[in-house]
Amino acid sequence: DLAGHLKLARLIVFWDDNAISIDGPTSLSTSMDQPARFEAAGWHVQSVDGHDTEAVAAAIEAAQQSDRPSL
């Protein structure tokens, strides 16, 4: 919430959403829509295929152009 409130535009966070935790599926411990949670806190949110290097590069470029923190 603080990063979104302060519009920390240079903050870029990479989050691996593979739905797996050390104990098994993440559905065992959470049902929260993490991207929606970050969007609600004022973040610029993108979802890309982490195996697609061009998509990752484009997402980084878009994040650098945003005036908000990016996920």
PDB file of N, CA and C in Angstrom:
ATOM      1  N   ASP A   1       0.814  -1.191   0.000  1.00  0.00           N
ATOM      2  CA  ASP A   1       0.000   0.000   0.000  1.00  0.00           C
ATOM      3  C   ASP A   1       0.859   1.257   0.000  1.00  0.00           C
ATOM      4  N   LEU A   2       1.936   1.267   0.772  1.00  0.00           N
ATOM      5  CA  LEU A   2       2.778   2.461   0.867  1.00  0.00           C
ATOM      6  C   LEU A   2       3.435   2.787  -0.467  1.00  0.00           C
ATOM      7  N   ALA A   3       3.944   1.773  -1.162  1.00  0.00           N
ATOM      8  CA  ALA A   3       4.604   2.018  -2.454  1.00  0.00           C
ATOM      9  C   ALA A   3       3.623   2.601  -3.462  1.00  0.00           C
ATOM     10  N   GLY A   4       2.401   2.105  -3.474  1.00  0.00           N
ATOM     11  CA  GLY A   4       1.386   2.644  -4.369  1.00  0.00           C
ATOM     12  C   GLY A   4       0.985   4.050  -3.975  1.00  0.00           C
ATOM     13  N   HIS A   5       0.824   4.273  -2.678  1.00  0.00           N
ATOM     14  CA  HIS A   5       0.456   5.597  -2.175  1.00  0.00           C
ATOM     15  C   HIS A   5       1.522   6.636  -2.515  1.00  0.00           C
ATOM     16  N   LEU A   6       2.773   6.261  -2.362  1.00  0.00           N
ATOM     17  CA  LEU A   6       3.881   7.183  -2.632  1.00  0.00           C
ATOM     18  C   LEU A   6       4.267   7.218  -4.111  1.00  0.00           C
ATOM     19  N   LYS A   7       3.626   6.364  -4.926  1.00  0.00           N
ATOM     20  CA  LYS A   7       3.906   6.287  -6.364  1.00  0.00           C
ATOM     21  C   LYS A   7       5.401   6.094  -6.638  1.00  0.00           C
ATOM     22  N   LEU A   8       5.957   5.068  -6.030  1.00  0.00           N
ATOM     23  CA  LEU A   8       7.383   4.765  -6.187  1.00  0.00           C
ATOM     24  C   LEU A   8       7.626   4.163  -7.567  1.00  0.00           C
ATOM     25  N   ALA A   9       7.649   5.025  -8.566  1.00  0.00           N
ATOM     26  CA  ALA A   9       7.679   4.615  -9.970  1.00  0.00           C
ATOM     27  C   ALA A   9       8.902   3.786 -10.349  1.00  0.00           C
ATOM     28  N   ARG A  10       9.978   3.901  -9.633  1.00  0.00           N
ATOM     29  CA  ARG A  10      11.189   3.148  -9.998  1.00  0.00           C
ATOM     30  C   ARG A  10      11.190   1.739  -9.415  1.00  0.00           C
ATOM     31  N   LEU A  11      10.168   1.405  -8.632  1.00  0.00           N
ATOM     32  CA  LEU A  11      10.081   0.082  -8.017  1.00  0.00           C
ATOM     33  C   LEU A  11       9.421  -0.902  -8.985  1.00  0.00           C
ATOM     34  N   ILE A  12      10.162  -1.930  -9.364  1.00  0.00           N
ATOM     35  CA  ILE A  12       9.643  -2.989 -10.233  1.00  0.00           C
ATOM     36  C   ILE A  12       9.833  -4.315  -9.498  1.00  0.00           C
ATOM     37  N   VAL A  13       8.733  -5.028  -9.271  1.00  0.00           N
ATOM     38  CA  VAL A  13       8.770  -6.306  -8.569  1.00  0.00           C
ATOM     39  C   VAL A  13       8.389  -7.416  -9.543  1.00  0.00           C
ATOM     40  N   PHE A  14       9.200  -8.462  -9.582  1.00  0.00           N
ATOM     41  CA  PHE A  14       8.902  -9.648 -10.382  1.00  0.00           C
ATOM     42  C   PHE A  14       8.315 -10.691  -9.437  1.00  0.00           C
ATOM     43  N   TRP A  15       7.171 -11.218  -9.781  1.00  0.00           N
ATOM     44  CA  TRP A  15       6.501 -12.200  -8.936  1.00  0.00           C
ATOM     45  C   TRP A  15       6.233 -13.452  -9.758  1.00  0.00           C
ATOM     46  N   ASP A  16       6.721 -14.579  -9.310  1.00  0.00           N
ATOM     47  CA  ASP A  16       6.558 -15.857 -10.001  1.00  0.00           C
ATOM     48  C   ASP A  16       5.236 -16.481  -9.570  1.00  0.00           C
ATOM     49  N   ASP A  17       4.264 -16.455 -10.441  1.00  0.00           N
ATOM     50  CA  ASP A  17       2.927 -16.970 -10.136  1.00  0.00           C
ATOM     51  C   ASP A  17       2.748 -18.361 -10.734  1.00  0.00           C
ATOM     52  N   ASN A  18       3.513 -19.321 -10.227  1.00  0.00           N
ATOM     53  CA  ASN A  18       3.423 -20.684 -10.757  1.00  0.00           C
ATOM     54  C   ASN A  18       2.474 -21.566  -9.944  1.00  0.00           C
ATOM     55  N   ALA A  19       1.803 -20.980  -8.944  1.00  0.00           N
ATOM     56  CA  ALA A  19       0.805 -21.672  -8.115  1.00  0.00           C
ATOM     57  C   ALA A  19       1.387 -22.833  -7.308  1.00  0.00           C
ATOM     58  N   ILE A  20       2.696 -22.799  -7.061  1.00  0.00           N
ATOM     59  CA  ILE A  20       3.340 -23.860  -6.292  1.00  0.00           C
ATOM     60  C   ILE A  20       4.085 -23.241  -5.109  1.00  0.00           C
ATOM     61  N   SER A  21       3.926 -23.859  -3.939  1.00  0.00           N
ATOM     62  CA  SER A  21       4.678 -23.435  -2.760  1.00  0.00           C
ATOM     63  C   SER A  21       5.512 -24.618  -2.273  1.00  0.00           C
ATOM     64  N   ILE A  22       6.280 -24.414  -1.247  1.00  0.00           N
ATOM     65  CA  ILE A  22       7.116 -25.491  -0.716  1.00  0.00           C
ATOM     66  C   ILE A  22       6.266 -26.656  -0.210  1.00  0.00           C
ATOM     67  N   ASP A  23       5.021 -26.364   0.185  1.00  0.00           N
ATOM     68  CA  ASP A  23       4.135 -27.397   0.719  1.00  0.00           C
ATOM     69  C   ASP A  23       3.153 -27.960  -0.300  1.00  0.00           C
ATOM     70  N   GLY A  24       3.227 -27.497  -1.545  1.00  0.00           N
ATOM     71  CA  GLY A  24       2.299 -27.965  -2.571  1.00  0.00           C
ATOM     72  C   GLY A  24       1.612 -26.795  -3.245  1.00  0.00           C
ATOM     73  N   PRO A  25       0.406 -26.998  -3.739  1.00  0.00           N
ATOM     74  CA  PRO A  25      -0.302 -25.921  -4.434  1.00  0.00           C
ATOM     75  C   PRO A  25      -0.576 -24.728  -3.513  1.00  0.00           C
ATOM     76  N   THR A  26      -0.461 -23.527  -4.059  1.00  0.00           N
ATOM     77  CA  THR A  26      -0.732 -22.333  -3.246  1.00  0.00           C
ATOM     78  C   THR A  26      -2.194 -22.270  -2.822  1.00  0.00           C
ATOM     79  N   SER A  27      -3.061 -22.991  -3.513  1.00  0.00           N
ATOM     80  CA  SER A  27      -4.479 -23.005  -3.144  1.00  0.00           C
ATOM     81  C   SER A  27      -4.703 -23.594  -1.748  1.00  0.00           C
ATOM     82  N   LEU A  28      -3.705 -24.294  -1.207  1.00  0.00           N
ATOM     83  CA  LEU A  28      -3.810 -24.816   0.156  1.00  0.00           C
ATOM     84  C   LEU A  28      -3.743 -23.704   1.192  1.00  0.00           C
ATOM     85  N   SER A  29      -3.105 -22.585   0.836  1.00  0.00           N
ATOM     86  CA  SER A  29      -2.897 -21.527   1.824  1.00  0.00           C
ATOM     87  C   SER A  29      -3.526 -20.188   1.470  1.00  0.00           C
ATOM     88  N   THR A  30      -3.931 -19.987   0.214  1.00  0.00           N
ATOM     89  CA  THR A  30      -4.519 -18.699  -0.155  1.00  0.00           C
ATOM     90  C   THR A  30      -5.426 -18.847  -1.370  1.00  0.00           C
ATOM     91  N   SER A  31      -6.421 -17.996  -1.422  1.00  0.00           N
ATOM     92  CA  SER A  31      -7.279 -17.924  -2.608  1.00  0.00           C
ATOM     93  C   SER A  31      -7.313 -16.486  -3.122  1.00  0.00           C
ATOM     94  N   MET A  32      -6.412 -15.660  -2.585  1.00  0.00           N
ATOM     95  CA  MET A  32      -6.380 -14.246  -2.936  1.00  0.00           C
ATOM     96  C   MET A  32      -5.870 -14.028  -4.359  1.00  0.00           C
ATOM     97  N   ASP A  33      -6.491 -13.110  -5.057  1.00  0.00           N
ATOM     98  CA  ASP A  33      -6.055 -12.705  -6.396  1.00  0.00           C
ATOM     99  C   ASP A  33      -4.960 -11.653  -6.205  1.00  0.00           C
ATOM    100  N   GLN A  34      -3.708 -12.088  -6.213  1.00  0.00           N
ATOM    101  CA  GLN A  34      -2.592 -11.187  -5.917  1.00  0.00           C
ATOM    102  C   GLN A  34      -2.495 -10.012  -6.886  1.00  0.00           C
ATOM    103  N   PRO A  35      -2.600 -10.217  -8.206  1.00  0.00           N
ATOM    104  CA  PRO A  35      -2.543  -9.055  -9.103  1.00  0.00           C
ATOM    105  C   PRO A  35      -3.631  -8.027  -8.794  1.00  0.00           C
ATOM    106  N   ALA A  36      -4.844  -8.485  -8.497  1.00  0.00           N
ATOM    107  CA  ALA A  36      -5.935  -7.557  -8.166  1.00  0.00           C
ATOM    108  C   ALA A  36      -5.623  -6.799  -6.880  1.00  0.00           C
ATOM    109  N   ARG A  37      -5.006  -7.475  -5.930  1.00  0.00           N
ATOM    110  CA  ARG A  37      -4.628  -6.831  -4.669  1.00  0.00           C
ATOM    111  C   ARG A  37      -3.634  -5.698  -4.912  1.00  0.00           C
ATOM    112  N   PHE A  38      -2.633  -5.949  -5.754  1.00  0.00           N
ATOM    113  CA  PHE A  38      -1.650  -4.912  -6.058  1.00  0.00           C
ATOM    114  C   PHE A  38      -2.280  -3.767  -6.842  1.00  0.00           C
ATOM    115  N   GLU A  39      -3.153  -4.098  -7.804  1.00  0.00           N
ATOM    116  CA  GLU A  39      -3.844  -3.050  -8.563  1.00  0.00           C
ATOM    117  C   GLU A  39      -4.661  -2.161  -7.636  1.00  0.00           C
ATOM    118  N   ALA A  40      -5.348  -2.767  -6.682  1.00  0.00           N
ATOM    119  CA  ALA A  40      -6.164  -2.007  -5.734  1.00  0.00           C
ATOM    120  C   ALA A  40      -5.313  -1.075  -4.878  1.00  0.00           C
ATOM    121  N   ALA A  41      -4.042  -1.424  -4.703  1.00  0.00           N
ATOM    122  CA  ALA A  41      -3.129  -0.597  -3.913  1.00  0.00           C
ATOM    123  C   ALA A  41      -2.419   0.448  -4.772  1.00  0.00           C
ATOM    124  N   GLY A  42      -2.822   0.582  -6.035  1.00  0.00           N
ATOM    125  CA  GLY A  42      -2.269   1.627  -6.883  1.00  0.00           C
ATOM    126  C   GLY A  42      -1.071   1.233  -7.725  1.00  0.00           C
ATOM    127  N   TRP A  43      -0.801  -0.057  -7.838  1.00  0.00           N
ATOM    128  CA  TRP A  43       0.334  -0.522  -8.623  1.00  0.00           C
ATOM    129  C   TRP A  43      -0.049  -0.699 -10.087  1.00  0.00           C
ATOM    130  N   HIS A  44       0.937  -0.563 -10.961  1.00  0.00           N
ATOM    131  CA  HIS A  44       0.817  -0.907 -12.378  1.00  0.00           C
ATOM    132  C   HIS A  44       1.101  -2.402 -12.458  1.00  0.00           C
ATOM    133  N   VAL A  45       0.127  -3.191 -12.900  1.00  0.00           N
ATOM    134  CA  VAL A  45       0.245  -4.654 -12.881  1.00  0.00           C
ATOM    135  C   VAL A  45       0.207  -5.213 -14.301  1.00  0.00           C
ATOM    136  N   GLN A  46       1.146  -6.106 -14.589  1.00  0.00           N
ATOM    137  CA  GLN A  46       1.195  -6.797 -15.874  1.00  0.00           C
ATOM    138  C   GLN A  46       1.357  -8.288 -15.617  1.00  0.00           C
ATOM    139  N   SER A  47       0.830  -9.082 -16.514  1.00  0.00           N
ATOM    140  CA  SER A  47       1.009 -10.522 -16.442  1.00  0.00           C
ATOM    141  C   SER A  47       1.636 -10.975 -17.757  1.00  0.00           C
ATOM    142  N   VAL A  48       2.770 -11.652 -17.664  1.00  0.00           N
ATOM    143  CA  VAL A  48       3.462 -12.125 -18.867  1.00  0.00           C
ATOM    144  C   VAL A  48       3.949 -13.555 -18.655  1.00  0.00           C
ATOM    145  N   ASP A  49       4.193 -14.233 -19.753  1.00  0.00           N
ATOM    146  CA  ASP A  49       4.782 -15.567 -19.722  1.00  0.00           C
ATOM    147  C   ASP A  49       6.275 -15.396 -19.452  1.00  0.00           C
ATOM    148  N   GLY A  50       6.728 -15.854 -18.313  1.00  0.00           N
ATOM    149  CA  GLY A  50       8.124 -15.702 -17.930  1.00  0.00           C
ATOM    150  C   GLY A  50       9.104 -16.436 -18.826  1.00  0.00           C
ATOM    151  N   HIS A  51       8.611 -17.329 -19.677  1.00  0.00           N
ATOM    152  CA  HIS A  51       9.469 -18.043 -20.621  1.00  0.00           C
ATOM    153  C   HIS A  51       9.603 -17.298 -21.948  1.00  0.00           C
ATOM    154  N   ASP A  52       8.841 -16.223 -22.108  1.00  0.00           N
ATOM    155  CA  ASP A  52       8.859 -15.416 -23.333  1.00  0.00           C
ATOM    156  C   ASP A  52       9.720 -14.176 -23.071  1.00  0.00           C
ATOM    157  N   THR A  53      10.985 -14.249 -23.460  1.00  0.00           N
ATOM    158  CA  THR A  53      11.920 -13.164 -23.133  1.00  0.00           C
ATOM    159  C   THR A  53      11.518 -11.831 -23.754  1.00  0.00           C
ATOM    160  N   GLU A  54      10.918 -11.856 -24.929  1.00  0.00           N
ATOM    161  CA  GLU A  54      10.478 -10.603 -25.548  1.00  0.00           C
ATOM    162  C   GLU A  54       9.336  -9.979 -24.754  1.00  0.00           C
ATOM    163  N   ALA A  55       8.425 -10.804 -24.254  1.00  0.00           N
ATOM    164  CA  ALA A  55       7.317 -10.300 -23.442  1.00  0.00           C
ATOM    165  C   ALA A  55       7.831  -9.735 -22.121  1.00  0.00           C
ATOM    166  N   VAL A  56       8.818 -10.399 -21.528  1.00  0.00           N
ATOM    167  CA  VAL A  56       9.407  -9.905 -20.281  1.00  0.00           C
ATOM    168  C   VAL A  56      10.086  -8.559 -20.529  1.00  0.00           C
ATOM    169  N   ALA A  57      10.844  -8.454 -21.613  1.00  0.00           N
ATOM    170  CA  ALA A  57      11.517  -7.191 -21.945  1.00  0.00           C
ATOM    171  C   ALA A  57      10.498  -6.078 -22.180  1.00  0.00           C
ATOM    172  N   ALA A  58       9.409  -6.381 -22.865  1.00  0.00           N
ATOM    173  CA  ALA A  58       8.365  -5.381 -23.118  1.00  0.00           C
ATOM    174  C   ALA A  58       7.698  -4.956 -21.812  1.00  0.00           C
ATOM    175  N   ALA A  59       7.505  -5.899 -20.899  1.00  0.00           N
ATOM    176  CA  ALA A  59       6.902  -5.579 -19.604  1.00  0.00           C
ATOM    177  C   ALA A  59       7.819  -4.674 -18.784  1.00  0.00           C
ATOM    178  N   ILE A  60       9.116  -4.934 -18.835  1.00  0.00           N
ATOM    179  CA  ILE A  60      10.070  -4.073 -18.125  1.00  0.00           C
ATOM    180  C   ILE A  60      10.031  -2.671 -18.707  1.00  0.00           C
ATOM    181  N   GLU A  61      10.003  -2.573 -20.030  1.00  0.00           N
ATOM    182  CA  GLU A  61       9.922  -1.267 -20.698  1.00  0.00           C
ATOM    183  C   GLU A  61       8.663  -0.518 -20.263  1.00  0.00           C
ATOM    184  N   ALA A  62       7.529  -1.216 -20.246  1.00  0.00           N
ATOM    185  CA  ALA A  62       6.271  -0.588 -19.828  1.00  0.00           C
ATOM    186  C   ALA A  62       6.341  -0.155 -18.367  1.00  0.00           C
ATOM    187  N   ALA A  63       6.956  -0.979 -17.527  1.00  0.00           N
ATOM    188  CA  ALA A  63       7.094  -0.637 -16.110  1.00  0.00           C
ATOM    189  C   ALA A  63       7.954   0.610 -15.932  1.00  0.00           C
ATOM    190  N   GLN A  64       8.994   0.737 -16.730  1.00  0.00           N
ATOM    191  CA  GLN A  64       9.873   1.903 -16.641  1.00  0.00           C
ATOM    192  C   GLN A  64       9.160   3.178 -17.069  1.00  0.00           C
ATOM    193  N   GLN A  65       8.127   3.050 -17.894  1.00  0.00           N
ATOM    194  CA  GLN A  65       7.376   4.213 -18.362  1.00  0.00           C
ATOM    195  C   GLN A  65       6.242   4.588 -17.405  1.00  0.00           C
ATOM    196  N   SER A  66       5.910   3.711 -16.480  1.00  0.00           N
ATOM    197  CA  SER A  66       4.796   3.943 -15.564  1.00  0.00           C
ATOM    198  C   SER A  66       5.175   4.952 -14.486  1.00  0.00           C
ATOM    199  N   ASP A  67       4.182   5.682 -14.007  1.00  0.00           N
ATOM    200  CA  ASP A  67       4.409   6.617 -12.904  1.00  0.00           C
ATOM    201  C   ASP A  67       4.028   5.986 -11.567  1.00  0.00           C
ATOM    202  N   ARG A  68       3.863   4.656 -11.567  1.00  0.00           N
ATOM    203  CA  ARG A  68       3.511   3.919 -10.353  1.00  0.00           C
ATOM    204  C   ARG A  68       4.472   2.753 -10.177  1.00  0.00           C
ATOM    205  N   PRO A  69       4.542   2.165  -8.982  1.00  0.00           N
ATOM    206  CA  PRO A  69       5.330   0.940  -8.828  1.00  0.00           C
ATOM    207  C   PRO A  69       4.712  -0.147  -9.699  1.00  0.00           C
ATOM    208  N   SER A  70       5.524  -1.098 -10.120  1.00  0.00           N
ATOM    209  CA  SER A  70       5.049  -2.119 -11.056  1.00  0.00           C
ATOM    210  C   SER A  70       5.252  -3.527 -10.528  1.00  0.00           C
ATOM    211  N   LEU A  71       4.271  -4.368 -10.824  1.00  0.00           N
ATOM    212  CA  LEU A  71       4.339  -5.794 -10.511  1.00  0.00           C
ATOM    213  C   LEU A  71       4.262  -6.528 -11.825  1.00  0.00           C
TER     214      LEU A  71
END
